Amino acid sequence: MGVVFLIVVGGTLGWLAAIVMRAESGPEMLRNGVAGVAGALLAGLGVSPLLGQGSLLYGAYDVAALVISLLGSAALLLAVNLPRLREQR
């Protein structure tokens, strides 16, 4: 159940991070969704327990762990979209 929750929450947080990063245009939406889910999963599973927050995998659903997942999504989306942002200059 924890893995399913992480995928759903990761998808939602990836979508929210795409809105925050204003990276929600046309064909890049799938790439942004995958990057958002990956960032949320990496941050929720790896970074959150290292910072002393509960792991989302084991059912510790607290706000701090979700915020860390959102920041992980935003960071990975920024890294993925950085080449596109450089091309626009």
N, C-alpha and C. Protein backbone atom coordinates (compact mmCIF):
# COMPACT_ATOMS: atom_id res chain seq x y z
N MET A 1 0.81 -1.19 0.00
CA MET A 1 0.00 0.00 0.00
C MET A 1 0.86 1.25 0.00
N GLY A 2 2.00 1.20 0.66
CA GLY A 2 2.87 2.37 0.72
C GLY A 2 3.41 2.76 -0.64
N VAL A 3 3.74 1.78 -1.49
CA VAL A 3 4.28 2.07 -2.82
C VAL A 3 3.21 2.71 -3.70
N VAL A 4 1.98 2.21 -3.62
CA VAL A 4 0.88 2.79 -4.40
C VAL A 4 0.64 4.23 -3.96
N PHE A 5 0.66 4.46 -2.65
CA PHE A 5 0.48 5.81 -2.14
C PHE A 5 1.60 6.71 -2.62
N LEU A 6 2.83 6.22 -2.64
CA LEU A 6 3.95 7.03 -3.11
C LEU A 6 3.79 7.39 -4.59
N ILE A 7 3.31 6.48 -5.40
CA ILE A 7 3.13 6.78 -6.82
C ILE A 7 2.04 7.82 -7.00
N VAL A 8 0.94 7.67 -6.28
CA VAL A 8 -0.15 8.65 -6.39
C VAL A 8 0.29 10.01 -5.87
N VAL A 9 0.90 10.02 -4.70
CA VAL A 9 1.37 11.28 -4.14
C VAL A 9 2.48 11.87 -5.00
N GLY A 10 3.36 11.02 -5.50
CA GLY A 10 4.43 11.50 -6.38
C GLY A 10 3.88 12.12 -7.65
N GLY A 11 2.86 11.50 -8.23
CA GLY A 11 2.24 12.07 -9.42
C GLY A 11 1.59 13.40 -9.14
N THR A 12 0.89 13.48 -8.03
CA THR A 12 0.24 14.73 -7.65
C THR A 12 1.26 15.81 -7.34
N LEU A 13 2.29 15.46 -6.59
CA LEU A 13 3.32 16.44 -6.28
C LEU A 13 4.12 16.83 -7.52
N GLY A 14 4.33 15.90 -8.43
CA GLY A 14 5.00 16.23 -9.69
C GLY A 14 4.18 17.21 -10.51
N TRP A 15 2.86 17.01 -10.53
CA TRP A 15 1.97 17.92 -11.23
C TRP A 15 2.00 19.30 -10.58
N LEU A 16 1.97 19.36 -9.24
CA LEU A 16 2.03 20.63 -8.53
C LEU A 16 3.37 21.33 -8.75
N ALA A 17 4.45 20.55 -8.74
CA ALA A 17 5.76 21.14 -8.98
C ALA A 17 5.87 21.66 -10.40
N ALA A 18 5.25 21.00 -11.37
CA ALA A 18 5.25 21.50 -12.75
C ALA A 18 4.52 22.83 -12.84
N ILE A 19 3.45 22.97 -12.06
CA ILE A 19 2.73 24.25 -12.05
C ILE A 19 3.59 25.33 -11.41
N VAL A 20 4.24 25.00 -10.29
CA VAL A 20 5.10 25.97 -9.61
C VAL A 20 6.26 26.39 -10.51
N MET A 21 6.84 25.43 -11.25
CA MET A 21 7.99 25.72 -12.12
C MET A 21 7.55 26.27 -13.48
N ARG A 22 6.24 26.37 -13.70
CA ARG A 22 5.68 26.83 -14.98
C ARG A 22 6.24 26.02 -16.15
N ALA A 23 6.25 24.71 -15.97
CA ALA A 23 6.79 23.78 -16.97
C ALA A 23 5.71 22.82 -17.42
N GLU A 24 4.57 23.35 -17.80
CA GLU A 24 3.43 22.50 -18.10
C GLU A 24 2.94 22.68 -19.53
N SER A 25 3.85 22.80 -20.48
CA SER A 25 3.44 23.05 -21.85
C SER A 25 3.55 21.79 -22.71
N GLY A 26 2.58 21.61 -23.58
CA GLY A 26 2.50 20.60 -24.62
C GLY A 26 3.22 19.29 -24.43
N PRO A 27 4.15 18.96 -25.33
CA PRO A 27 4.79 17.64 -25.32
C PRO A 27 5.71 17.40 -24.13
N GLU A 28 6.04 18.43 -23.40
CA GLU A 28 6.93 18.28 -22.26
C GLU A 28 6.19 17.80 -21.01
N MET A 29 4.86 17.74 -21.10
CA MET A 29 4.07 17.37 -19.92
C MET A 29 4.38 15.96 -19.43
N LEU A 30 4.54 15.00 -20.33
CA LEU A 30 4.87 13.64 -19.91
C LEU A 30 6.24 13.58 -19.26
N ARG A 31 7.21 14.24 -19.88
CA ARG A 31 8.56 14.27 -19.31
C ARG A 31 8.55 14.93 -17.94
N ASN A 32 7.78 16.01 -17.80
CA ASN A 32 7.69 16.69 -16.52
C ASN A 32 7.00 15.81 -15.48
N GLY A 33 5.99 15.06 -15.90
CA GLY A 33 5.31 14.16 -14.97
C GLY A 33 6.22 13.07 -14.46
N VAL A 34 6.98 12.46 -15.36
CA VAL A 34 7.92 11.41 -14.96
C VAL A 34 9.01 11.98 -14.06
N ALA A 35 9.53 13.14 -14.41
CA ALA A 35 10.56 13.76 -13.58
C ALA A 35 10.00 14.15 -12.22
N GLY A 36 8.76 14.61 -12.19
CA GLY A 36 8.15 14.97 -10.91
C GLY A 36 7.93 13.77 -10.02
N VAL A 37 7.45 12.67 -10.61
CA VAL A 37 7.25 11.45 -9.83
C VAL A 37 8.59 10.92 -9.33
N ALA A 38 9.59 10.91 -10.19
CA ALA A 38 10.91 10.42 -9.78
C ALA A 38 11.50 11.29 -8.67
N GLY A 39 11.38 12.59 -8.80
CA GLY A 39 11.89 13.50 -7.77
C GLY A 39 11.17 13.31 -6.44
N ALA A 40 9.85 13.15 -6.51
CA ALA A 40 9.08 12.95 -5.28
C ALA A 40 9.44 11.63 -4.62
N LEU A 41 9.60 10.59 -5.43
CA LEU A 41 9.96 9.28 -4.88
C LEU A 41 11.36 9.30 -4.26
N LEU A 42 12.31 9.91 -4.96
CA LEU A 42 13.67 9.97 -4.43
C LEU A 42 13.73 10.77 -3.14
N ALA A 43 13.06 11.90 -3.13
CA ALA A 43 13.08 12.74 -1.92
C ALA A 43 12.28 12.10 -0.79
N GLY A 44 11.13 11.51 -1.12
CA GLY A 44 10.29 10.90 -0.09
C GLY A 44 10.89 9.66 0.52
N LEU A 45 11.60 8.90 -0.30
CA LEU A 45 12.20 7.66 0.21
C LEU A 45 13.61 7.84 0.75
N GLY A 46 14.37 8.76 0.16
CA GLY A 46 15.77 8.89 0.53
C GLY A 46 16.10 10.07 1.42
N VAL A 47 15.65 11.24 1.02
CA VAL A 47 16.03 12.46 1.74
C VAL A 47 15.23 12.63 3.02
N SER A 48 13.96 12.36 2.97
CA SER A 48 13.09 12.56 4.13
C SER A 48 13.56 11.78 5.36
N PRO A 49 13.87 10.48 5.25
CA PRO A 49 14.37 9.76 6.44
C PRO A 49 15.73 10.28 6.92
N LEU A 50 16.55 10.76 5.98
CA LEU A 50 17.86 11.30 6.39
C LEU A 50 17.72 12.58 7.20
N LEU A 51 16.66 13.33 6.96
CA LEU A 51 16.43 14.57 7.69
C LEU A 51 15.62 14.35 8.97
N GLY A 52 15.36 13.10 9.30
CA GLY A 52 14.66 12.79 10.54
C GLY A 52 13.15 12.75 10.41
N GLN A 53 12.64 12.89 9.21
CA GLN A 53 11.20 12.80 8.99
C GLN A 53 10.85 11.35 8.72
N GLY A 54 9.59 11.02 8.79
CA GLY A 54 9.16 9.66 8.54
C GLY A 54 9.26 9.32 7.07
N SER A 55 9.47 8.06 6.77
CA SER A 55 9.50 7.59 5.40
C SER A 55 8.08 7.38 4.91
N LEU A 56 7.77 7.91 3.74
CA LEU A 56 6.43 7.76 3.18
C LEU A 56 6.13 6.30 2.85
N LEU A 57 7.15 5.51 2.63
CA LEU A 57 6.97 4.11 2.29
C LEU A 57 6.38 3.31 3.46
N TYR A 58 6.71 3.69 4.67
CA TYR A 58 6.26 2.94 5.83
C TYR A 58 5.03 3.55 6.49
N GLY A 59 4.38 4.47 5.82
CA GLY A 59 3.12 5.00 6.32
C GLY A 59 3.25 6.20 7.22
N ALA A 60 4.40 6.85 7.27
CA ALA A 60 4.57 8.06 8.08
C ALA A 60 4.20 9.26 7.21
N TYR A 61 2.91 9.50 7.07
CA TYR A 61 2.41 10.54 6.18
C TYR A 61 2.29 11.85 6.94
N ASP A 62 3.36 12.59 7.06
CA ASP A 62 3.28 13.89 7.70
C ASP A 62 3.58 15.00 6.70
N VAL A 63 3.26 16.20 7.07
CA VAL A 63 3.36 17.34 6.16
C VAL A 63 4.82 17.60 5.77
N ALA A 64 5.74 17.45 6.70
CA ALA A 64 7.15 17.71 6.41
C ALA A 64 7.68 16.76 5.32
N ALA A 65 7.30 15.50 5.39
CA ALA A 65 7.75 14.54 4.38
C ALA A 65 7.15 14.87 3.02
N LEU A 66 5.91 15.33 2.99
CA LEU A 66 5.29 15.72 1.72
C LEU A 66 5.92 16.98 1.15
N VAL A 67 6.29 17.93 2.00
CA VAL A 67 6.96 19.15 1.53
C VAL A 67 8.34 18.80 0.96
N ILE A 68 9.03 17.89 1.61
CA ILE A 68 10.34 17.46 1.10
C ILE A 68 10.17 16.79 -0.26
N SER A 69 9.13 16.01 -0.43
CA SER A 69 8.85 15.38 -1.73
C SER A 69 8.54 16.44 -2.79
N LEU A 70 7.79 17.47 -2.43
CA LEU A 70 7.49 18.55 -3.36
C LEU A 70 8.76 19.28 -3.77
N LEU A 71 9.65 19.53 -2.83
CA LEU A 71 10.92 20.18 -3.15
C LEU A 71 11.79 19.29 -4.03
N GLY A 72 11.77 17.99 -3.79
CA GLY A 72 12.51 17.06 -4.65
C GLY A 72 11.97 17.06 -6.07
N SER A 73 10.64 17.13 -6.21
CA SER A 73 10.03 17.22 -7.54
C SER A 73 10.44 18.49 -8.25
N ALA A 74 10.38 19.60 -7.53
CA ALA A 74 10.75 20.88 -8.13
C ALA A 74 12.22 20.91 -8.54
N ALA A 75 13.08 20.34 -7.71
CA ALA A 75 14.51 20.32 -8.03
C ALA A 75 14.79 19.47 -9.27
N LEU A 76 14.17 18.31 -9.37
CA LEU A 76 14.39 17.45 -10.53
C LEU A 76 13.77 18.06 -11.79
N LEU A 77 12.62 18.70 -11.64
CA LEU A 77 12.01 19.39 -12.79
C LEU A 77 12.89 20.54 -13.27
N LEU A 78 13.50 21.26 -12.33
CA LEU A 78 14.40 22.34 -12.72
C LEU A 78 15.60 21.77 -13.47
N ALA A 79 16.15 20.67 -13.00
CA ALA A 79 17.30 20.05 -13.67
C ALA A 79 16.93 19.56 -15.07
N VAL A 80 15.73 19.00 -15.22
CA VAL A 80 15.30 18.49 -16.52
C VAL A 80 15.01 19.64 -17.49
N ASN A 81 14.44 20.73 -16.98
CA ASN A 81 14.03 21.83 -17.84
C ASN A 81 15.11 22.89 -18.02
N LEU A 82 16.24 22.76 -17.36
CA LEU A 82 17.31 23.75 -17.48
C LEU A 82 17.81 23.92 -18.92
N PRO A 83 18.02 22.84 -19.68
CA PRO A 83 18.45 23.05 -21.08
C PRO A 83 17.40 23.81 -21.90
N ARG A 84 16.13 23.56 -21.65
CA ARG A 84 15.08 24.27 -22.37
C ARG A 84 15.07 25.74 -21.99
N LEU A 85 15.31 26.04 -20.73
CA LEU A 85 15.34 27.42 -20.29
C LEU A 85 16.53 28.16 -20.87
N ARG A 86 17.66 27.48 -21.06
CA ARG A 86 18.83 28.10 -21.67
C ARG A 86 18.60 28.39 -23.15
N GLU A 87 17.84 27.52 -23.82
CA GLU A 87 17.56 27.72 -25.24
C GLU A 87 16.66 28.93 -25.47
N GLN A 88 15.83 29.27 -24.52
CA GLN A 88 14.90 30.37 -24.67
C GLN A 88 15.58 31.73 -24.59
N ARG A 89 16.79 31.78 -24.09
CA ARG A 89 17.51 33.05 -23.97
C ARG A 89 17.94 33.56 -25.28
